[in-house]
Structure formats: C-alpha cells, structure tokens
Amino acid sequence: MPERPTPSRTLVHVQELHDAPLAPLTTFRLGGPATRLITATTDAEVIAAVREADDSGTPLLLIGGGSNLVIGDKGFAGTALRIATTGLELDGTKLELAAGEVWTDAVARTVEAGLAGIECLAGIPGSAGATPIQNVGAYGQEVSSTITEVIAYDRKTHETVTIPNAECAFSYRHSRFKADPERYVVLRVRFELEDADGLSAPVKYAETARVLGVEPGDRVPLAAARETVLGLRSGKGMVLDPEDHDTWSAGSFFTNPILTEAERVAFHARVQERLGADVVPPAYPAGDGRTKTSAAWLIDRSGFTKGYGSGPARISTKHTLALTNRGEATTEDLLALAREVVAGVRDAFGITLVNEPVTVGVEL
C-alpha cells in the first residue's frame, strides 16, 4: 500500500544556491542558471523539496547526472532540485540503488559481485534514478529486463509508491515515468540480476559478439563483457571525458526511428531513389509488425558525416549520433545543428528524427 511520507517541511539540511549555474551539472556543459538550486542527499530531503515547490506553485526541474538534459540559454525560472542521494544494496541477486547513485559505478559493482544483467550498460553516464524513466538500453540490454520495482514519490497523491515492473509501461526508450514527467519522482530502483557463475547474460548485440569473438547467445566472463562495451563506447565518444570535448554530449541525441509497414515501404523507396537499388538500410524487428532502423545511418547517408559542422556545436568525430559542445557553444548553437540534421534527414528519407534528451525551456 502507498505510504504517506512525513519528511521535514524545512530544508535547512540541504544545500541551497540562488541564481545558480546549471551548465556544470550537465554533460553538455550548456544552459543558463536556475533561480534556485537545491541539492538533496536523502529521500526525505528530495520529498520535502518537491512538496515545497508544489505547495508554492514553483516550477520544478529535477536533475540527476545531467546526461540527458538540454537546458535553454536563459536557464530555469524556478527551483532546480539536484538528486544526490546515495545507497547501493546487494542481497544475493537483488540490487537496490538510490536514485542519485552514479550508474556506471553501480554497473561496475555488480560485475565485481559476479552478477549478470546490466554489464552491457557500462559507461552510460547519468544516475540510477534516470534509468527507468528512459528505459536505458545499449548493446543488447535494457534496464526493463532486470528492474523489478521502482520506488517513487507521487506528486499527485502525495505518497511514496512502489510500482512493479509490469506497471511501468516500459517500451523502447520510454516508460510510464517519461509519459507523465510531472507526476513521479524516482527515489529508488530495484533489480533482479543473475548469478551465472561469473558469466555474462547471453550476448545479444552482434557488434559486441564480434569483438568478443563469440556467437550471439553465448556467455562470456562478466569483466570481458563490461570492458568490451566500454571500449566500444569509448571508440564512439560515448564515455564522458571532461578533457575531451568530443564527449561533451548527451550520448545518442536521436532515437532510432520505429516504422510502420507503410512507412518502411515508403522509406525503402526513398533509399533506392537516392542511393541505388542495391542499398539496403538497417532494419530490426520492433514488434507489432513494425521495423526499427538506424538514426546514425540516416544521418550519415543524409550528408552529415562525423565531425560535421564549423561552429562551436558539431557532430562528434567518432559517432554521428552524438552532437557535441566544442567548448564555446550555446544551447541555441546546439539546437541549430540538431534542427539542420532533422531537416536534412526528413528531406532525404521522409523520416523525422526525435530527440532523446529532455529539453528545458527550449524546443527542437
């Protein structure tokens, strides 16, 4: 049953700043200041800050690892709440993470403990609390396959609720929490992992299997799976390095389009018309008769190659899905590049790309 929280109504224990820069809290290093920035380190502090903002009608922006945020140059007129809670508990194959835990560190801990299920999600920047919202996935794994429950504060009912996996409405880069972003504040995430005697979950992603020298479906030592994924991500600029502007990004800026059968047929016709009858675009079954294709392929074949751009915001030199801040960019510079890519792909192939990061105070 839902539990009514009884947090302190005062925020004397949290860190509070005014006219606070938000850019340093994002992996893009972009965005203007917030009217007020609160850093909460316990669930009670998180709930108290949320309730105070809601009771006063103050706009509220939740920030975890900042790896999926595009904040406007004017900043945020309201309270930005940085969730910096900590806590990692392992009980057999059960894992519970506080929302503020650094995700990639948590993955490393599970690998060290010999538990499989999230090892191929190594290197993804951000916090644990964001993973169910986006249904984070990469290299053949998604968190929805291992999450058992999400503990969240419900801003509508003013209660702390436990939401089982079946009620999270997980789909490709989507969830109940993303569908209703003003309602839930994730506090904790619970997972059920697998003890496979030090081996990984079956390797699903073809590129990972190829680099590991195994067949899809095989298992490999957990550490080998994690290190291989980290190597692949690093080669694509997808592991954050403060010294390398080519990684100042949100990772994949666009989601892979999922097409109906009619859309797929029209897309193939455009490909043949533009690139020739012998060119076959990437295609993966997406359920319900739909097909997923590659956003990176679309971007590249539309003329936006690695390193594209001459201004302070450019496509990564390592991967066409990553838009980067070369150090002097503004959010508007980034959005101008993103809009150019979207328009170019639409003109070339009739597909409209959708941004993966959440935009604050701006729209693509």
Protein backbone atom coordinates (compact mmCIF):
# COMPACT_ATOMS: atom_id res chain seq x y z
CA MET A 1 0.00 0.00 0.00
CA PRO A 2 1.18 3.58 -0.59
CA GLU A 3 2.81 5.20 2.38
CA ARG A 4 2.32 8.81 3.37
CA PRO A 5 5.76 10.36 3.84
CA THR A 6 6.47 12.56 6.81
CA PRO A 7 9.58 14.48 5.79
CA SER A 8 10.61 17.68 7.48
CA ARG A 9 8.94 20.69 5.87
CA THR A 10 12.12 22.72 6.32
CA LEU A 11 15.09 22.49 4.01
CA VAL A 12 17.77 23.60 6.44
CA HIS A 13 19.90 20.50 5.86
CA VAL A 14 20.13 20.73 2.10
CA GLN A 15 22.49 22.86 0.06
CA GLU A 16 20.72 25.84 -1.46
CA LEU A 17 22.07 28.30 -4.02
CA HIS A 18 20.44 31.21 -5.81
CA ASP A 19 20.99 32.27 -9.45
CA ALA A 20 22.89 29.01 -9.67
CA PRO A 21 24.68 27.87 -12.85
CA LEU A 22 23.22 24.66 -14.26
CA ALA A 23 25.63 24.08 -17.15
CA PRO A 24 28.24 22.39 -14.91
CA LEU A 25 25.59 19.88 -13.84
CA THR A 26 25.02 18.66 -17.42
CA THR A 27 27.23 16.60 -19.70
CA PHE A 28 26.67 19.15 -22.47
CA ARG A 29 28.00 21.93 -20.19
CA LEU A 30 25.19 24.10 -21.56
CA GLY A 31 22.31 26.14 -20.18
CA GLY A 32 21.65 29.22 -18.11
CA PRO A 33 21.15 29.49 -14.34
CA ALA A 34 18.27 28.43 -12.11
CA THR A 35 16.53 30.86 -9.81
CA ARG A 36 17.30 28.43 -7.00
CA LEU A 37 19.27 25.19 -6.86
CA ILE A 38 18.73 22.67 -4.07
CA THR A 39 20.92 19.60 -3.59
CA ALA A 40 19.20 16.80 -1.67
CA THR A 41 21.11 13.82 -0.29
CA THR A 42 18.30 11.79 1.30
CA ASP A 43 14.89 10.63 0.11
CA ALA A 44 13.25 12.75 2.82
CA GLU A 45 15.07 15.85 1.56
CA VAL A 46 14.01 15.09 -2.01
CA ILE A 47 10.36 14.71 -1.00
CA ALA A 48 10.44 17.84 1.17
CA ALA A 49 11.88 19.93 -1.68
CA VAL A 50 9.33 18.59 -4.15
CA ARG A 51 6.42 19.20 -1.78
CA GLU A 52 7.60 22.72 -1.01
CA ALA A 53 7.81 23.57 -4.71
CA ASP A 54 4.43 22.00 -5.45
CA ASP A 55 2.72 23.67 -2.49
CA SER A 56 4.02 27.08 -3.55
CA GLY A 57 3.36 26.59 -7.25
CA THR A 58 7.05 26.97 -8.06
CA PRO A 59 8.25 25.35 -11.32
CA LEU A 60 10.49 22.37 -10.52
CA LEU A 61 13.33 20.86 -12.54
CA LEU A 62 14.78 17.51 -11.44
CA ILE A 63 18.47 16.91 -12.16
CA GLY A 64 20.31 13.64 -11.68
CA GLY A 65 23.52 13.05 -13.60
CA GLY A 66 22.59 15.69 -16.18
CA SER A 67 23.41 13.37 -19.08
CA ASN A 68 20.03 13.65 -20.77
CA LEU A 69 19.29 17.37 -20.41
CA VAL A 70 19.33 20.27 -22.85
CA ILE A 71 18.72 23.45 -20.83
CA GLY A 72 17.96 26.73 -22.57
CA ASP A 73 20.42 29.61 -22.51
CA LYS A 74 18.01 31.64 -20.36
CA GLY A 75 18.12 28.96 -17.70
CA PHE A 76 15.25 27.85 -15.50
CA ALA A 77 12.91 30.22 -13.68
CA GLY A 78 12.14 28.09 -10.66
CA THR A 79 13.70 25.53 -8.35
CA ALA A 80 16.19 23.04 -9.74
CA LEU A 81 16.47 20.00 -7.49
CA ARG A 82 19.67 18.00 -7.81
CA ILE A 83 19.08 14.48 -6.55
CA ALA A 84 22.34 13.38 -4.93
CA THR A 85 21.09 10.50 -2.79
CA THR A 86 23.38 7.54 -2.24
CA GLY A 87 22.89 3.90 -1.44
CA LEU A 88 23.70 0.59 -3.10
CA GLU A 89 22.47 -2.63 -1.51
CA LEU A 90 23.16 -6.12 -2.80
CA ASP A 91 21.27 -9.05 -1.30
CA GLY A 92 22.02 -12.19 -3.24
CA THR A 93 20.90 -11.38 -6.78
CA LYS A 94 18.75 -8.45 -5.66
CA LEU A 95 20.08 -4.93 -6.18
CA GLU A 96 18.62 -1.68 -4.83
CA LEU A 97 20.01 1.68 -5.94
CA ALA A 98 19.26 5.15 -4.64
CA ALA A 99 18.26 7.48 -7.45
CA GLY A 100 21.41 9.57 -7.10
CA GLU A 101 23.86 6.68 -7.43
CA VAL A 102 26.25 7.00 -10.38
CA TRP A 103 25.01 4.42 -12.85
CA THR A 104 28.30 3.33 -14.37
CA ASP A 105 29.79 2.82 -10.89
CA ALA A 106 26.82 0.66 -9.94
CA VAL A 107 27.34 -1.48 -13.04
CA ALA A 108 30.97 -1.97 -12.07
CA ARG A 109 29.94 -3.09 -8.58
CA THR A 110 27.56 -5.73 -9.93
CA VAL A 111 30.24 -7.07 -12.25
CA GLU A 112 32.66 -7.28 -9.32
CA ALA A 113 29.98 -9.17 -7.40
CA GLY A 114 29.64 -11.68 -10.26
CA LEU A 115 26.08 -10.73 -11.17
CA ALA A 116 24.82 -10.55 -14.75
CA GLY A 117 22.09 -8.47 -16.34
CA ILE A 118 23.38 -4.90 -16.68
CA GLU A 119 27.04 -5.44 -17.61
CA CYS A 120 26.47 -4.23 -21.19
CA LEU A 121 25.10 -0.95 -19.85
CA ALA A 122 28.56 0.03 -18.61
CA GLY A 123 29.81 3.51 -19.41
CA ILE A 124 26.37 5.11 -19.72
CA PRO A 125 26.60 8.47 -17.93
CA GLY A 126 23.97 9.63 -15.51
CA SER A 127 22.29 8.47 -12.34
CA ALA A 128 20.39 5.31 -11.44
CA GLY A 129 17.10 7.16 -10.98
CA ALA A 130 17.03 8.15 -14.64
CA THR A 131 17.36 4.59 -15.94
CA PRO A 132 13.71 3.52 -15.60
CA ILE A 133 12.45 6.85 -16.96
CA GLN A 134 14.25 6.40 -20.27
CA ASN A 135 14.32 2.60 -20.12
CA VAL A 136 18.03 2.92 -20.69
CA GLY A 137 19.47 0.38 -23.06
CA ALA A 138 22.56 -0.36 -25.11
CA TYR A 139 24.41 -3.28 -26.67
CA GLY A 140 21.50 -5.69 -26.38
CA GLN A 141 20.38 -4.91 -22.83
CA GLU A 142 17.65 -2.69 -21.38
CA VAL A 143 17.02 -1.97 -17.71
CA SER A 144 13.40 -3.03 -18.13
CA SER A 145 14.55 -6.66 -18.33
CA THR A 146 16.03 -6.56 -14.81
CA ILE A 147 14.04 -3.88 -12.94
CA THR A 148 11.55 -5.42 -10.52
CA GLU A 149 10.22 -2.28 -8.80
CA VAL A 150 10.56 1.47 -8.84
CA ILE A 151 10.08 3.42 -5.62
CA ALA A 152 8.80 6.91 -6.41
CA TYR A 153 7.14 9.93 -4.85
CA ASP A 154 3.76 10.53 -6.48
CA ARG A 155 3.22 14.30 -6.75
CA LYS A 156 -0.47 13.79 -7.48
CA THR A 157 -1.36 11.67 -4.44
CA HIS A 158 1.46 13.00 -2.22
CA GLU A 159 2.51 9.44 -1.38
CA THR A 160 5.56 7.26 -1.76
CA VAL A 161 4.57 4.37 -4.03
CA THR A 162 6.11 1.09 -5.13
CA ILE A 163 5.49 0.46 -8.82
CA PRO A 164 6.17 -3.08 -10.10
CA ASN A 165 7.79 -3.66 -13.46
CA ALA A 166 4.52 -4.68 -15.11
CA GLU A 167 3.01 -1.28 -14.28
CA CYS A 168 5.98 0.78 -15.55
CA ALA A 169 4.80 0.59 -19.20
CA PHE A 170 8.33 0.06 -20.47
CA SER A 171 8.98 0.28 -24.21
CA TYR A 172 11.85 1.47 -26.41
CA ARG A 173 13.38 4.47 -24.57
CA HIS A 174 10.04 5.08 -22.89
CA SER A 175 8.10 4.39 -19.71
CA ARG A 176 5.20 5.46 -17.55
CA PHE A 177 7.52 7.97 -15.90
CA LYS A 178 8.55 9.58 -19.18
CA ALA A 179 4.95 9.67 -20.37
CA ASP A 180 3.90 11.66 -17.29
CA PRO A 181 7.04 13.60 -16.32
CA GLU A 182 5.28 15.95 -13.87
CA ARG A 183 3.91 13.16 -11.70
CA TYR A 184 6.64 10.86 -10.40
CA VAL A 185 9.99 11.48 -8.73
CA VAL A 186 12.06 8.30 -8.74
CA LEU A 187 13.64 7.65 -5.34
CA ARG A 188 14.97 4.08 -5.62
CA VAL A 189 15.20 1.34 -8.22
CA ARG A 190 15.22 -2.40 -7.52
CA PHE A 191 16.68 -5.02 -9.85
CA GLU A 192 16.83 -8.80 -10.06
CA LEU A 193 20.15 -9.91 -11.52
CA GLU A 194 21.51 -13.35 -12.38
CA ASP A 195 24.26 -15.42 -10.82
CA ALA A 196 25.71 -17.26 -13.80
CA ASP A 197 28.97 -18.34 -12.15
CA GLY A 198 30.81 -15.22 -13.23
CA LEU A 199 29.48 -15.25 -16.77
CA SER A 200 27.51 -12.55 -18.55
CA ALA A 201 23.95 -12.71 -19.74
CA PRO A 202 23.76 -14.16 -23.26
CA VAL A 203 25.43 -11.68 -25.62
CA LYS A 204 22.72 -10.30 -27.92
CA TYR A 205 24.38 -7.47 -29.82
CA ALA A 206 26.19 -8.54 -32.99
CA GLU A 207 28.98 -5.96 -32.69
CA THR A 208 29.71 -7.00 -29.11
CA ALA A 209 29.77 -10.67 -30.05
CA ARG A 210 32.11 -9.98 -32.96
CA VAL A 211 34.61 -8.08 -30.83
CA LEU A 212 34.46 -10.77 -28.15
CA GLY A 213 34.95 -13.47 -30.75
CA VAL A 214 31.78 -15.37 -29.84
CA GLU A 215 28.40 -16.09 -31.36
CA PRO A 216 25.27 -14.16 -30.36
CA GLY A 217 23.67 -16.03 -27.47
CA ASP A 218 27.00 -17.10 -25.96
CA ARG A 219 28.05 -16.07 -22.48
CA VAL A 220 31.45 -14.60 -21.65
CA PRO A 221 33.19 -13.60 -18.42
CA LEU A 222 31.42 -10.59 -16.92
CA ALA A 223 34.54 -8.43 -16.83
CA ALA A 224 35.22 -9.14 -20.51
CA ALA A 225 31.70 -8.09 -21.47
CA ARG A 226 31.94 -4.87 -19.48
CA GLU A 227 35.41 -3.98 -20.77
CA THR A 228 34.39 -4.69 -24.36
CA VAL A 229 31.37 -2.42 -24.10
CA LEU A 230 33.46 0.33 -22.51
CA GLY A 231 35.93 0.01 -25.37
CA LEU A 232 33.19 0.20 -27.98
CA ARG A 233 31.61 3.21 -26.30
CA SER A 234 34.96 4.99 -25.96
CA GLY A 235 35.64 4.46 -29.64
CA LYS A 236 32.36 6.23 -30.39
CA GLY A 237 32.96 9.09 -27.94
CA MET A 238 30.20 7.77 -25.69
CA VAL A 239 32.19 7.63 -22.45
CA LEU A 240 32.34 11.03 -20.81
CA ASP A 241 35.83 12.54 -20.57
CA PRO A 242 35.99 16.08 -19.12
CA GLU A 243 39.17 16.72 -21.09
CA ASP A 244 37.74 15.60 -24.43
CA HIS A 245 35.17 17.98 -25.93
CA ASP A 246 34.22 15.25 -28.38
CA THR A 247 32.42 13.60 -25.45
CA TRP A 248 30.62 16.75 -24.23
CA SER A 249 27.29 15.42 -25.37
CA ALA A 250 24.18 13.56 -24.26
CA GLY A 251 25.32 10.39 -25.96
CA SER A 252 22.82 9.50 -28.66
CA PHE A 253 20.93 12.70 -29.45
CA PHE A 254 18.25 10.97 -31.54
CA THR A 255 16.32 7.76 -31.02
CA ASN A 256 16.24 5.08 -33.69
CA PRO A 257 13.03 5.52 -35.72
CA ILE A 258 10.40 2.78 -35.48
CA LEU A 259 8.39 2.48 -38.69
CA THR A 260 5.02 1.02 -39.56
CA GLU A 261 4.92 -1.27 -42.58
CA ALA A 262 3.65 1.54 -44.80
CA GLU A 263 6.39 3.86 -43.54
CA ARG A 264 9.01 1.16 -44.11
CA VAL A 265 7.92 0.66 -47.71
CA ALA A 266 7.99 4.41 -48.39
CA PHE A 267 11.41 4.66 -46.73
CA HIS A 268 12.86 1.86 -48.87
CA ALA A 269 11.58 3.58 -51.98
CA ARG A 270 13.35 6.79 -50.95
CA VAL A 271 16.56 4.86 -50.24
CA GLN A 272 16.54 3.23 -53.67
CA GLU A 273 15.76 6.52 -55.36
CA ARG A 274 18.54 8.36 -53.56
CA LEU A 275 21.24 5.72 -53.09
CA GLY A 276 20.50 2.98 -55.61
CA ALA A 277 18.56 -0.27 -55.77
CA ASP A 278 21.39 -2.30 -54.22
CA VAL A 279 21.46 -0.28 -50.97
CA VAL A 280 19.61 -1.92 -48.07
CA PRO A 281 19.15 0.19 -44.92
CA PRO A 282 19.47 -1.32 -41.43
CA ALA A 283 16.28 -2.99 -40.27
CA TYR A 284 15.42 -4.72 -36.99
CA PRO A 285 12.09 -6.22 -35.87
CA ALA A 286 10.35 -3.91 -33.39
CA GLY A 287 7.19 -5.89 -32.69
CA ASP A 288 3.61 -5.39 -33.84
CA GLY A 289 4.70 -5.55 -37.47
CA ARG A 290 6.97 -2.55 -37.08
CA THR A 291 10.63 -2.11 -38.03
CA LYS A 292 13.38 -0.16 -36.31
CA THR A 293 16.05 1.48 -38.44
CA SER A 294 19.26 3.30 -37.55
CA ALA A 295 19.28 7.02 -36.83
CA ALA A 296 23.06 7.09 -37.24
CA TRP A 297 22.76 5.53 -40.73
CA LEU A 298 20.10 8.07 -41.71
CA ILE A 299 22.21 10.98 -40.50
CA ASP A 300 25.34 9.80 -42.27
CA ARG A 301 23.55 8.98 -45.54
CA SER A 302 21.89 12.40 -45.49
CA GLY A 303 25.31 14.04 -45.70
CA PHE A 304 26.01 14.72 -42.03
CA THR A 305 29.25 12.85 -41.53
CA LYS A 306 31.41 12.53 -38.42
CA GLY A 307 32.79 15.91 -37.38
CA TYR A 308 30.18 17.80 -39.41
CA GLY A 309 29.86 21.50 -38.59
CA SER A 310 32.07 24.55 -38.49
CA GLY A 311 30.76 26.25 -35.37
CA PRO A 312 31.08 25.56 -31.64
CA ALA A 313 28.47 22.77 -31.82
CA ARG A 314 29.36 19.88 -34.11
CA ILE A 315 28.67 16.24 -34.73
CA SER A 316 31.16 14.05 -32.90
CA THR A 317 34.20 12.97 -34.87
CA LYS A 318 33.60 9.45 -33.52
CA HIS A 319 29.85 8.90 -33.95
CA THR A 320 27.18 10.67 -35.98
CA LEU A 321 24.51 10.21 -33.28
CA ALA A 322 26.36 12.44 -30.83
CA LEU A 323 26.05 16.22 -31.08
CA THR A 324 28.81 17.91 -29.12
CA ASN A 325 29.74 21.18 -27.46
CA ARG A 326 33.26 22.04 -28.58
CA GLY A 327 33.69 24.25 -25.53
CA GLU A 328 32.24 27.60 -26.55
CA ALA A 329 28.78 26.57 -27.71
CA THR A 330 25.44 27.88 -26.52
CA THR A 331 22.29 25.83 -26.34
CA GLU A 332 20.98 27.69 -29.36
CA ASP A 333 24.11 26.63 -31.29
CA LEU A 334 23.36 23.02 -30.40
CA LEU A 335 19.69 23.29 -31.35
CA ALA A 336 20.53 24.95 -34.67
CA LEU A 337 22.72 21.96 -35.54
CA ALA A 338 20.05 19.50 -34.38
CA ARG A 339 17.39 21.23 -36.49
CA GLU A 340 19.67 21.15 -39.52
CA VAL A 341 20.14 17.41 -39.10
CA VAL A 342 16.42 16.77 -38.60
CA ALA A 343 15.53 18.79 -41.69
CA GLY A 344 18.21 17.10 -43.77
CA VAL A 345 17.12 13.58 -42.83
CA ARG A 346 13.46 14.44 -43.45
CA ASP A 347 14.26 15.86 -46.88
CA ALA A 348 16.41 12.88 -47.82
CA PHE A 349 14.34 9.99 -46.49
CA GLY A 350 10.98 11.29 -45.30
CA ILE A 351 11.68 10.34 -41.66
CA THR A 352 11.55 12.85 -38.82
CA LEU A 353 14.12 12.16 -36.12
CA VAL A 354 13.10 12.58 -32.47
CA ASN A 355 15.49 13.93 -29.87
CA GLU A 356 16.33 11.64 -26.97
CA PRO A 357 17.45 14.26 -24.39
CA VAL A 358 14.84 16.19 -22.43
CA THR A 359 14.66 19.88 -23.38
CA VAL A 360 14.11 22.54 -20.73
CA GLY A 361 12.89 25.97 -21.77
CA VAL A 362 13.55 25.24 -25.45
CA GLU A 363 12.17 23.04 -28.20
CA LEU A 364 13.80 21.33 -31.13
